[in-house]
Amino acid sequence: MDFIRIFTEEDITSVATLFHKVYLAGDPAYTKSSLHNIGEVFDEIFFRNPWCDENLPSLVYEAGDGAIIGFIGVTPRKMTMKGRAVLAAVSAHLMLDPDRRTELAGVRLLQKFLSGPQALSIADFANDSGRKIWNGIGGMMSHVHSLRWVKLLRPSARALSLASGKLRVLPRFSSIIHPLGRLSDAVLARMAPHRFRFPPSKLIETELTDETLLSCILQSSSLYALCPEYDEHSLPWLVRRAEKIKVLGDMRKAALRNDSGAIVGWYLYYLKPGGMSEVLQMGARKDSICAVLDHLFHHAWSNGSESITGRLEPRLLPALSEKECYLKCGPPWVMAHTYDPEILRAIDRGDVFLSRLEGEWCTSYRV
């Protein structure tokens, strides 16, 4: 008989094999040799994270023959709701064996997860299927946090990159396509300098240490009703995890100061020369949001990015509009589940400090 049980360290190899089968089997870049690396990451995330709680374990779906045919990863997180302690849980990798009859296994795994002791459950990389399952069992989509802003830095180069990828343009045509994109972007910069020129910022870039980042997050998140709770152990662990993820480029971090030496903002983002850079987290004082965005855009543009994107935060919306960014809705979708009406209202109005650092980006397997 099939049943759900706690994920143990003895299950790591089986779950890594399932992950490889579900997500990587069709990709020639990944072979069975990847299993060891997947297993190491699963061990670090689900058994060595700073918030480990035996009352909030990851779960496996075991078939009657002993095979693991389903899995959901769970990472506890500490948050506060207007000063009140809140236990949250972030899910990742809800997956099922495609070769087994598992029609209800995904629903049962998610129901078991949501019935745990946490006051808030979050999944912020849900696909369309995952969104439907969450909605079907009482979850909600955060409309605000499912929006992403996008700033085009080299619009012609970006359009040509997307077109060449979809049309599978032969490599020999690259010598024509890339110079054409550079020429077109140079013309656009002359015609619309307010949109496509990115001069150096007047802010002073300094090192973003773990201590500085912790101070910045504590100060900025206090403006929100619901916010994460970090310390000198949990935040560095999360940042180190983020730095190991290379799929979207190298992590760049900066604390930004004004002429007086005061920190007015910060950012962490993955730099992708010749592609789209991804912001993991950014913050700014209310009077410095535009200046921080200017610094971020110049940094990404001067290092070769074609565009840059990040999760929408409502307080950034006026500045993003002024900088002529556009908005794009998921997937991925940010899903939440709670029985606490105060938390529910905070999520519904976007009064939550929820960057990608607080979600499953760093607590899931990525190359």
Protein backbone atom coordinates (compact mmCIF):
# COMPACT_ATOMS: atom_id res chain seq x y z
CA MET A 1 0.00 0.00 0.00
CA ASP A 2 1.29 3.49 -0.87
CA PHE A 3 1.98 5.91 2.00
CA ILE A 4 3.68 9.19 2.89
CA ARG A 5 6.55 9.28 5.36
CA ILE A 6 9.42 11.50 6.52
CA PHE A 7 12.38 11.96 4.17
CA THR A 8 15.53 10.49 5.76
CA GLU A 9 19.21 10.67 4.86
CA GLU A 10 18.98 7.06 3.67
CA ASP A 11 16.53 8.25 0.98
CA ILE A 12 18.89 10.82 -0.57
CA THR A 13 20.13 8.57 -3.39
CA SER A 14 16.59 7.48 -4.31
CA VAL A 15 15.27 11.05 -4.31
CA ALA A 16 18.30 12.28 -6.31
CA THR A 17 17.58 9.54 -8.86
CA LEU A 18 13.93 10.62 -9.03
CA PHE A 19 14.97 14.25 -9.49
CA HIS A 20 17.34 13.28 -12.30
CA LYS A 21 14.59 11.30 -13.97
CA VAL A 22 11.97 14.04 -13.68
CA TYR A 23 14.06 17.12 -14.49
CA LEU A 24 17.32 16.14 -16.18
CA ALA A 25 16.90 12.86 -18.04
CA GLY A 26 16.23 14.56 -21.37
CA ASP A 27 19.22 16.90 -21.09
CA PRO A 28 22.44 15.47 -22.57
CA ALA A 29 24.48 17.82 -20.38
CA TYR A 30 23.51 15.74 -17.33
CA THR A 31 24.47 12.13 -16.83
CA LYS A 32 24.20 9.66 -14.00
CA SER A 33 27.41 11.19 -12.65
CA SER A 34 25.27 14.18 -11.68
CA LEU A 35 23.50 12.08 -9.04
CA HIS A 36 26.28 12.51 -6.50
CA ASN A 37 26.16 16.27 -6.79
CA ILE A 38 22.35 16.30 -6.55
CA GLY A 39 22.55 14.15 -3.44
CA GLU A 40 25.11 16.45 -1.81
CA VAL A 41 22.94 19.50 -2.43
CA PHE A 42 19.81 17.76 -1.10
CA ASP A 43 21.74 16.76 2.02
CA GLU A 44 22.95 20.33 2.58
CA ILE A 45 19.57 21.95 1.98
CA PHE A 46 17.21 19.59 3.76
CA PHE A 47 19.40 18.22 6.57
CA ARG A 48 22.06 20.91 7.23
CA ASN A 49 20.15 24.18 6.90
CA PRO A 50 20.16 26.57 9.92
CA TRP A 51 16.43 26.16 10.54
CA CYS A 52 16.22 22.35 10.64
CA ASP A 53 13.16 21.27 12.62
CA GLU A 54 12.15 17.65 13.10
CA ASN A 55 8.54 18.80 13.20
CA LEU A 56 8.81 20.20 9.66
CA PRO A 57 10.51 17.46 7.62
CA SER A 58 10.60 16.91 3.90
CA LEU A 59 8.31 14.11 2.74
CA VAL A 60 8.46 11.14 0.39
CA TYR A 61 5.68 9.11 -1.19
CA GLU A 62 6.57 5.43 -0.98
CA ALA A 63 4.89 2.79 -3.13
CA GLY A 64 3.89 -0.63 -1.87
CA ASP A 65 7.00 -2.17 -3.42
CA GLY A 66 9.27 0.20 -1.44
CA ALA A 67 10.09 2.53 -4.34
CA ILE A 68 10.02 6.27 -3.73
CA ILE A 69 7.69 7.71 -6.37
CA GLY A 70 7.10 11.19 -4.97
CA PHE A 71 8.83 13.90 -2.97
CA ILE A 72 8.36 17.39 -1.56
CA GLY A 73 11.26 19.28 -0.01
CA VAL A 74 10.59 21.47 3.02
CA THR A 75 12.75 24.18 4.58
CA PRO A 76 11.54 25.89 7.78
CA ARG A 77 12.01 29.68 7.94
CA LYS A 78 11.60 32.17 10.77
CA MET A 79 9.53 35.32 10.18
CA THR A 80 7.77 37.97 12.22
CA MET A 81 4.29 39.46 11.80
CA LYS A 82 4.34 42.94 13.35
CA GLY A 83 6.83 41.65 15.91
CA ARG A 84 5.01 38.37 16.50
CA ALA A 85 7.08 35.23 15.79
CA VAL A 86 5.85 33.25 12.78
CA LEU A 87 7.04 29.81 11.74
CA ALA A 88 7.04 29.55 7.97
CA ALA A 89 7.91 26.70 5.62
CA VAL A 90 9.17 26.92 2.05
CA SER A 91 8.48 23.98 -0.23
CA ALA A 92 10.55 22.89 -3.21
CA HIS A 93 10.71 20.10 -5.78
CA LEU A 94 7.21 18.66 -5.57
CA MET A 95 7.84 15.81 -8.00
CA LEU A 96 6.33 12.48 -9.01
CA ASP A 97 7.65 9.52 -10.94
CA PRO A 98 6.24 9.92 -14.48
CA ASP A 99 6.28 6.14 -15.05
CA ARG A 100 4.04 5.30 -12.09
CA ARG A 101 0.33 5.85 -11.48
CA THR A 102 0.53 8.87 -9.18
CA GLU A 103 -2.60 10.86 -10.01
CA LEU A 104 -3.33 11.77 -6.38
CA ALA A 105 0.18 11.48 -4.94
CA GLY A 106 1.03 15.14 -5.58
CA VAL A 107 -2.16 16.36 -3.92
CA ARG A 108 -1.61 14.07 -0.94
CA LEU A 109 2.01 15.20 -0.51
CA LEU A 110 1.03 18.87 -0.62
CA GLN A 111 -1.90 18.32 1.78
CA LYS A 112 0.44 16.58 4.22
CA PHE A 113 2.92 19.44 3.97
CA LEU A 114 0.24 22.10 4.50
CA SER A 115 -1.11 20.28 7.55
CA GLY A 116 2.19 20.82 9.40
CA PRO A 117 2.77 23.16 12.37
CA GLN A 118 3.81 26.15 10.25
CA ALA A 119 1.67 29.29 10.24
CA LEU A 120 2.64 30.08 6.65
CA SER A 121 3.56 27.88 3.69
CA ILE A 122 5.26 29.30 0.60
CA ALA A 123 6.20 28.07 -2.86
CA ASP A 124 7.62 30.78 -5.09
CA PHE A 125 8.60 28.79 -8.18
CA ALA A 126 5.30 27.06 -8.88
CA ASN A 127 4.47 26.19 -12.49
CA ASP A 128 0.92 26.23 -13.88
CA SER A 129 0.23 22.68 -12.68
CA GLY A 130 1.53 23.47 -9.20
CA ARG A 131 -0.57 26.64 -9.07
CA LYS A 132 -3.74 24.66 -9.84
CA ILE A 133 -2.95 22.10 -7.11
CA TRP A 134 -2.29 24.84 -4.53
CA ASN A 135 -5.48 26.68 -5.48
CA GLY A 136 -7.45 23.45 -5.34
CA ILE A 137 -6.57 22.75 -1.71
CA GLY A 138 -6.97 26.23 -0.28
CA GLY A 139 -3.78 28.02 -1.25
CA MET A 140 -3.62 31.48 -2.78
CA MET A 141 -1.47 33.15 -5.39
CA SER A 142 0.31 36.33 -4.39
CA HIS A 143 -0.50 38.47 -7.41
CA VAL A 144 1.98 41.17 -6.45
CA HIS A 145 4.93 38.85 -5.90
CA SER A 146 4.16 36.84 -9.04
CA LEU A 147 4.99 39.96 -11.06
CA ARG A 148 8.51 40.59 -12.31
CA TRP A 149 9.91 43.85 -13.59
CA VAL A 150 12.19 43.84 -16.63
CA LYS A 151 14.55 46.57 -17.77
CA LEU A 152 15.87 46.36 -21.32
CA LEU A 153 19.50 47.46 -21.43
CA ARG A 154 20.32 46.40 -24.99
CA PRO A 155 16.89 45.86 -26.56
CA SER A 156 18.07 44.97 -30.07
CA ALA A 157 20.67 42.51 -28.81
CA ARG A 158 18.08 40.98 -26.51
CA ALA A 159 15.54 40.58 -29.30
CA LEU A 160 18.13 39.01 -31.60
CA SER A 161 19.27 36.63 -28.85
CA LEU A 162 15.72 35.46 -28.25
CA ALA A 163 15.02 35.12 -31.96
CA SER A 164 18.22 33.23 -32.66
CA GLY A 165 17.47 30.85 -29.81
CA LYS A 166 13.95 30.12 -31.03
CA LEU A 167 14.97 29.83 -34.66
CA ARG A 168 18.17 27.93 -33.85
CA VAL A 169 20.31 30.20 -35.97
CA LEU A 170 23.50 28.52 -37.11
CA PRO A 171 26.71 29.66 -35.35
CA ARG A 172 28.16 30.99 -38.62
CA PHE A 173 25.52 33.71 -38.67
CA SER A 174 26.60 35.03 -35.27
CA SER A 175 29.23 37.22 -36.92
CA ILE A 176 26.37 39.06 -38.65
CA ILE A 177 23.72 39.04 -35.91
CA HIS A 178 25.80 40.36 -33.00
CA PRO A 179 27.32 43.40 -34.78
CA LEU A 180 23.84 44.21 -36.10
CA GLY A 181 22.47 44.20 -32.56
CA ARG A 182 25.29 46.41 -31.27
CA LEU A 183 24.76 48.92 -34.08
CA SER A 184 21.01 49.05 -33.52
CA ASP A 185 21.44 49.55 -29.77
CA ALA A 186 23.94 52.37 -30.36
CA VAL A 187 21.37 54.12 -32.56
CA LEU A 188 18.64 53.61 -29.94
CA ALA A 189 20.90 55.06 -27.24
CA ARG A 190 21.36 58.22 -29.32
CA MET A 191 17.65 58.49 -30.15
CA ALA A 192 16.35 57.75 -26.63
CA PRO A 193 19.18 58.45 -24.16
CA HIS A 194 16.72 58.63 -21.24
CA ARG A 195 15.82 54.97 -21.86
CA PHE A 196 18.92 53.28 -23.22
CA ARG A 197 21.91 55.17 -21.84
CA PHE A 198 23.22 54.22 -18.43
CA PRO A 199 25.81 56.68 -17.11
CA PRO A 200 27.83 55.90 -13.96
CA SER A 201 25.98 56.45 -10.71
CA LYS A 202 26.98 59.06 -8.15
CA LEU A 203 26.60 56.49 -5.39
CA ILE A 204 29.74 54.92 -3.97
CA GLU A 205 29.94 51.14 -4.27
CA THR A 206 31.38 49.33 -1.25
CA GLU A 207 31.65 45.72 -0.15
CA LEU A 208 28.42 44.07 0.92
CA THR A 209 29.57 41.91 3.84
CA ASP A 210 27.28 39.48 5.65
CA GLU A 211 27.14 41.87 8.60
CA THR A 212 26.22 44.83 6.37
CA LEU A 213 23.57 42.81 4.54
CA LEU A 214 22.02 41.68 7.82
CA SER A 215 21.83 45.28 9.00
CA CYS A 216 20.30 46.41 5.69
CA ILE A 217 17.65 43.69 5.71
CA LEU A 218 16.71 44.34 9.34
CA GLN A 219 16.28 48.04 8.66
CA SER A 220 14.41 47.70 5.37
CA SER A 221 12.18 44.76 6.33
CA SER A 222 10.91 46.65 9.38
CA LEU A 223 8.79 48.70 6.96
CA TYR A 224 6.70 45.60 6.20
CA ALA A 225 4.10 43.85 8.34
CA LEU A 226 5.50 40.39 7.56
CA CYS A 227 9.25 40.01 7.27
CA PRO A 228 12.03 37.41 7.57
CA GLU A 229 14.10 36.92 10.69
CA TYR A 230 17.82 36.36 10.13
CA ASP A 231 20.88 36.16 12.35
CA GLU A 232 24.65 35.93 11.94
CA HIS A 233 24.40 32.20 11.21
CA SER A 234 21.33 31.78 8.97
CA LEU A 235 21.93 34.69 6.58
CA PRO A 236 25.56 33.78 5.68
CA TRP A 237 24.44 30.19 5.03
CA LEU A 238 21.79 31.44 2.64
CA VAL A 239 24.18 33.79 0.84
CA ARG A 240 26.79 31.03 0.44
CA ARG A 241 24.10 28.82 -1.06
CA ALA A 242 23.19 31.61 -3.49
CA GLU A 243 26.82 32.08 -4.50
CA LYS A 244 27.14 28.40 -5.39
CA ILE A 245 24.34 28.63 -7.94
CA LYS A 246 25.94 29.37 -11.30
CA VAL A 247 23.09 28.66 -13.72
CA LEU A 248 22.33 32.36 -14.22
CA GLY A 249 25.83 33.77 -13.90
CA ASP A 250 28.14 35.02 -11.16
CA MET A 251 26.78 36.64 -8.03
CA ARG A 252 27.50 40.37 -7.72
CA LYS A 253 26.91 42.17 -4.43
CA ALA A 254 27.19 45.83 -3.49
CA ALA A 255 26.39 48.17 -0.64
CA LEU A 256 25.79 51.69 -1.96
CA ARG A 257 26.70 54.82 0.01
CA ASN A 258 26.07 58.50 -0.52
CA ASP A 259 28.64 61.29 -0.23
CA SER A 260 28.26 61.27 3.55
CA GLY A 261 29.15 57.58 3.73
CA ALA A 262 25.68 56.44 4.75
CA ILE A 263 24.33 53.24 3.17
CA VAL A 264 21.31 54.13 1.03
CA GLY A 265 20.80 50.79 -0.70
CA TRP A 266 22.16 47.42 -1.70
CA TYR A 267 21.71 44.64 -4.23
CA LEU A 268 22.59 41.02 -4.96
CA TYR A 269 22.18 39.85 -8.52
CA TYR A 270 23.39 37.25 -11.01
CA LEU A 271 25.33 38.91 -13.80
CA LYS A 272 24.71 37.34 -17.21
CA PRO A 273 26.79 38.98 -19.96
CA GLY A 274 25.03 38.57 -23.29
CA GLY A 275 21.78 37.59 -21.60
CA MET A 276 19.28 38.49 -18.87
CA SER A 277 20.65 39.20 -15.38
CA GLU A 278 18.51 38.21 -12.39
CA VAL A 279 18.15 40.23 -9.18
CA LEU A 280 18.07 38.09 -6.06
CA GLN A 281 17.45 40.96 -3.66
CA MET A 282 17.70 44.74 -3.62
CA GLY A 283 16.68 47.45 -1.24
CA ALA A 284 16.93 51.20 -0.92
CA ARG A 285 15.97 54.13 1.24
CA LYS A 286 12.81 55.79 0.00
CA ASP A 287 14.69 58.86 -1.20
CA SER A 288 17.35 56.79 -3.00
CA ILE A 289 15.40 54.13 -4.91
CA CYS A 290 16.01 55.72 -8.33
CA ALA A 291 19.71 56.21 -7.59
CA VAL A 292 20.10 52.57 -6.54
CA LEU A 293 18.32 51.39 -9.69
CA ASP A 294 20.61 53.63 -11.77
CA HIS A 295 23.66 52.01 -10.19
CA LEU A 296 22.28 48.51 -10.73
CA PHE A 297 21.38 49.16 -14.37
CA HIS A 298 24.76 50.74 -15.13
CA HIS A 299 26.59 47.84 -13.47
CA ALA A 300 24.69 45.22 -15.46
CA TRP A 301 24.89 47.20 -18.73
CA SER A 302 28.62 47.96 -18.42
CA ASN A 303 29.29 44.26 -17.85
CA GLY A 304 27.47 43.16 -20.99
CA SER A 305 23.93 42.30 -19.88
CA GLU A 306 21.16 42.68 -22.43
CA SER A 307 18.44 43.05 -19.79
CA ILE A 308 17.87 42.69 -16.07
CA THR A 309 14.86 41.48 -14.10
CA GLY A 310 13.69 41.09 -10.51
CA ARG A 311 10.64 40.37 -8.39
CA LEU A 312 8.28 43.29 -7.97
CA GLU A 313 8.12 45.04 -4.62
CA PRO A 314 5.18 47.48 -4.45
CA ARG A 315 7.23 50.32 -2.94
CA LEU A 316 9.58 50.18 -5.95
CA LEU A 317 6.78 50.52 -8.51
CA PRO A 318 6.88 54.32 -9.02
CA ALA A 319 10.65 54.27 -9.55
CA LEU A 320 10.45 51.26 -11.88
CA SER A 321 7.81 53.07 -13.90
CA GLU A 322 9.96 56.20 -14.05
CA LYS A 323 12.86 54.05 -15.30
CA GLU A 324 10.54 52.63 -18.00
CA CYS A 325 10.67 49.04 -16.89
CA TYR A 326 7.84 46.74 -17.92
CA LEU A 327 6.06 44.11 -15.88
CA LYS A 328 5.71 40.43 -16.67
CA CYS A 329 3.49 37.99 -14.80
CA GLY A 330 4.41 34.39 -13.95
CA PRO A 331 5.02 31.56 -14.20
CA PRO A 332 6.77 31.05 -11.92
CA TRP A 333 3.96 31.78 -9.48
CA VAL A 334 4.30 32.71 -5.82
CA MET A 335 1.87 30.59 -3.82
CA ALA A 336 0.98 30.83 -0.13
CA HIS A 337 -1.20 29.04 2.38
CA THR A 338 -2.18 30.21 5.85
CA TYR A 339 -5.06 30.05 8.30
CA ASP A 340 -3.92 33.27 9.98
CA PRO A 341 -6.17 36.13 8.76
CA GLU A 342 -3.58 38.80 9.64
CA ILE A 343 -0.92 37.08 7.55
CA LEU A 344 -3.45 36.52 4.77
CA ARG A 345 -4.27 40.24 4.62
CA ALA A 346 -0.57 41.17 4.59
CA ILE A 347 0.10 38.88 1.64
CA ASP A 348 -2.98 40.05 -0.23
CA ARG A 349 -1.92 43.70 -0.04
CA GLY A 350 1.76 42.96 -0.73
CA ASP A 351 2.88 44.04 2.75
CA VAL A 352 5.55 41.33 2.87
CA PHE A 353 9.32 41.47 2.56
CA LEU A 354 9.67 38.55 0.16
CA SER A 355 12.64 38.65 -2.18
CA ARG A 356 14.01 35.61 -3.95
CA LEU A 357 16.40 35.19 -1.02
CA GLU A 358 13.42 34.35 1.21
CA GLY A 359 11.92 31.78 -1.16
CA GLU A 360 13.04 28.49 -2.62
CA TRP A 361 15.71 29.91 -4.94
CA CYS A 362 18.51 29.03 -2.50
CA THR A 363 16.81 25.99 -0.98
CA SER A 364 16.36 23.92 -4.11
CA TYR A 365 18.75 22.15 -6.48
CA ARG A 366 20.20 24.39 -9.14
CA VAL A 367 23.37 23.92 -11.15
